[in-house]
Structure formats: C-alpha cells, structure tokens
Amino acid sequence: MEFIQNVVLPALPYVQIILSILLIASIMLQQRGSSLGGAFGGDNFSATFHKRRGGEQFLFRASIVLAILFVASALIAVIF
C-alpha cells in the first residue's frame, strides 16, 4: 500500500497525460480521407467490408490497448 501511495499516485497524472496523447494520436492516424458526404451517409466506400492489414491493424489494436490502460489508470486514480 505504501508503494501505491508513494510511487504510483504521484506519477499517475503524468501517466494519464502520456496515455491520452498517445490515444488521441492513434485515433487520429486511423482517420481515412473521406469526403464531406461521408459525414451525412453519402459515402459508399464506408459501406463495404474492409479488412485491416499491417499498420492499420497495429493502430487499431494499439488504440484499444491504450484505451484500456487509460480507463484502468483513471479507475486507480478514483479508487486510491
């Protein structure tokens, strides 16, 4: 318990800032170049099935892991 209070809790805000920046970057890098019609449902490319490969799959999985770590760090901040 002393380790959590003396080491983890003071470093937690910095960890959350780093995780949030990495999460935002991983989500922003996934954005495709779609037209304005895609925002209103007029883009037919988004309706087709698209398999993720290579870097796109890595970014997708990295964003999931970063989101889970961010939520876990937020729960640790609330609990302790």
C-alpha atoms as a PDB file:
ATOM      1  CA  MET A   1       0.000   0.000   0.000  1.00  0.00           C
ATOM      2  CA  GLU A   2       2.897   2.359   0.672  1.00  0.00           C
ATOM      3  CA  PHE A   3       4.256   1.723  -2.819  1.00  0.00           C
ATOM      4  CA  ILE A   4       0.960   2.801  -4.335  1.00  0.00           C
ATOM      5  CA  GLN A   5       0.741   5.969  -2.250  1.00  0.00           C
ATOM      6  CA  ASN A   6       4.396   6.962  -2.541  1.00  0.00           C
ATOM      7  CA  VAL A   7       5.250   5.985  -6.126  1.00  0.00           C
ATOM      8  CA  VAL A   8       2.152   5.299  -8.202  1.00  0.00           C
ATOM      9  CA  LEU A   9      -0.172   8.115  -7.163  1.00  0.00           C
ATOM     10  CA  PRO A  10       2.309  10.989  -7.708  1.00  0.00           C
ATOM     11  CA  ALA A  11       3.226   9.623 -11.158  1.00  0.00           C
ATOM     12  CA  LEU A  12      -0.360   8.860 -12.191  1.00  0.00           C
ATOM     13  CA  PRO A  13      -1.232  12.292 -13.665  1.00  0.00           C
ATOM     14  CA  TYR A  14       1.833  12.161 -15.904  1.00  0.00           C
ATOM     15  CA  VAL A  15       0.993   8.627 -16.987  1.00  0.00           C
ATOM     16  CA  GLN A  16      -2.561   9.710 -17.819  1.00  0.00           C
ATOM     17  CA  ILE A  17      -1.323  12.678 -19.858  1.00  0.00           C
ATOM     18  CA  ILE A  18       1.046  10.459 -21.853  1.00  0.00           C
ATOM     19  CA  LEU A  19      -1.660   7.822 -22.384  1.00  0.00           C
ATOM     20  CA  SER A  20      -4.180  10.427 -23.503  1.00  0.00           C
ATOM     21  CA  ILE A  21      -1.765  11.946 -26.034  1.00  0.00           C
ATOM     22  CA  LEU A  22      -0.891   8.503 -27.417  1.00  0.00           C
ATOM     23  CA  LEU A  23      -4.581   7.540 -27.574  1.00  0.00           C
ATOM     24  CA  ILE A  24      -5.501  10.716 -29.440  1.00  0.00           C
ATOM     25  CA  ALA A  25      -2.611  10.201 -31.871  1.00  0.00           C
ATOM     26  CA  SER A  26      -3.535   6.578 -32.541  1.00  0.00           C
ATOM     27  CA  ILE A  27      -7.158   7.503 -33.205  1.00  0.00           C
ATOM     28  CA  MET A  28      -6.288  10.464 -35.417  1.00  0.00           C
ATOM     29  CA  LEU A  29      -3.901   8.356 -37.516  1.00  0.00           C
ATOM     30  CA  GLN A  30      -6.734   5.924 -38.261  1.00  0.00           C
ATOM     31  CA  GLN A  31      -8.908   8.556 -39.929  1.00  0.00           C
ATOM     32  CA  ARG A  32      -9.348   7.962 -43.627  1.00  0.00           C
ATOM     33  CA  GLY A  33      -9.589  10.671 -46.239  1.00  0.00           C
ATOM     34  CA  SER A  34     -13.347  10.634 -46.702  1.00  0.00           C
ATOM     35  CA  SER A  35     -15.374  13.355 -48.304  1.00  0.00           C
ATOM     36  CA  LEU A  36     -17.926  15.554 -46.594  1.00  0.00           C
ATOM     37  CA  GLY A  37     -20.652  13.287 -47.958  1.00  0.00           C
ATOM     38  CA  GLY A  38     -19.406  10.552 -45.665  1.00  0.00           C
ATOM     39  CA  ALA A  39     -20.477  12.588 -42.650  1.00  0.00           C
ATOM     40  CA  PHE A  40     -24.056  12.580 -43.945  1.00  0.00           C
ATOM     41  CA  GLY A  41     -24.168   8.953 -45.070  1.00  0.00           C
ATOM     42  CA  GLY A  42     -23.457   9.571 -48.739  1.00  0.00           C
ATOM     43  CA  ASP A  43     -20.093   7.805 -48.873  1.00  0.00           C
ATOM     44  CA  ASN A  44     -20.405   4.337 -50.404  1.00  0.00           C
ATOM     45  CA  PHE A  45     -16.825   3.325 -49.542  1.00  0.00           C
ATOM     46  CA  SER A  46     -17.618   3.088 -45.835  1.00  0.00           C
ATOM     47  CA  ALA A  47     -20.496   0.669 -46.509  1.00  0.00           C
ATOM     48  CA  THR A  48     -18.232  -2.053 -47.867  1.00  0.00           C
ATOM     49  CA  PHE A  49     -16.307  -4.511 -45.740  1.00  0.00           C
ATOM     50  CA  HIS A  50     -12.658  -3.613 -45.306  1.00  0.00           C
ATOM     51  CA  LYS A  51     -10.097  -5.910 -43.680  1.00  0.00           C
ATOM     52  CA  ARG A  52      -7.397  -4.222 -41.641  1.00  0.00           C
ATOM     53  CA  ARG A  53      -3.838  -5.180 -42.527  1.00  0.00           C
ATOM     54  CA  GLY A  54      -0.363  -4.158 -41.467  1.00  0.00           C
ATOM     55  CA  GLY A  55      -0.056  -0.725 -39.943  1.00  0.00           C
ATOM     56  CA  GLU A  56      -3.791  -0.151 -39.891  1.00  0.00           C
ATOM     57  CA  GLN A  57      -4.334  -3.273 -37.784  1.00  0.00           C
ATOM     58  CA  PHE A  58      -1.489  -2.267 -35.452  1.00  0.00           C
ATOM     59  CA  LEU A  59      -3.012   1.191 -34.915  1.00  0.00           C
ATOM     60  CA  PHE A  60      -6.434  -0.334 -34.317  1.00  0.00           C
ATOM     61  CA  ARG A  61      -5.137  -2.751 -31.675  1.00  0.00           C
ATOM     62  CA  ALA A  62      -2.850  -0.123 -30.133  1.00  0.00           C
ATOM     63  CA  SER A  63      -5.789   2.250 -29.696  1.00  0.00           C
ATOM     64  CA  ILE A  64      -7.767  -0.491 -27.926  1.00  0.00           C
ATOM     65  CA  VAL A  65      -4.869  -1.263 -25.580  1.00  0.00           C
ATOM     66  CA  LEU A  66      -4.253   2.427 -24.888  1.00  0.00           C
ATOM     67  CA  ALA A  67      -7.941   2.989 -24.142  1.00  0.00           C
ATOM     68  CA  ILE A  68      -7.972   0.074 -21.683  1.00  0.00           C
ATOM     69  CA  LEU A  69      -4.816   1.371 -19.977  1.00  0.00           C
ATOM     70  CA  PHE A  70      -6.278   4.881 -19.780  1.00  0.00           C
ATOM     71  CA  VAL A  71      -9.505   3.616 -18.202  1.00  0.00           C
ATOM     72  CA  ALA A  72      -7.501   1.475 -15.756  1.00  0.00           C
ATOM     73  CA  SER A  73      -5.385   4.444 -14.735  1.00  0.00           C
ATOM     74  CA  ALA A  74      -8.497   6.548 -14.235  1.00  0.00           C
ATOM     75  CA  LEU A  75     -10.025   3.833 -12.038  1.00  0.00           C
ATOM     76  CA  ILE A  76      -6.828   3.617 -10.000  1.00  0.00           C
ATOM     77  CA  ALA A  77      -6.943   7.402  -9.502  1.00  0.00           C
ATOM     78  CA  VAL A  78     -10.558   7.208  -8.313  1.00  0.00           C
ATOM     79  CA  ILE A  79     -10.133   4.185  -6.045  1.00  0.00           C
ATOM     80  CA  PHE A  80      -6.950   5.318  -4.307  1.00  0.00           C
END
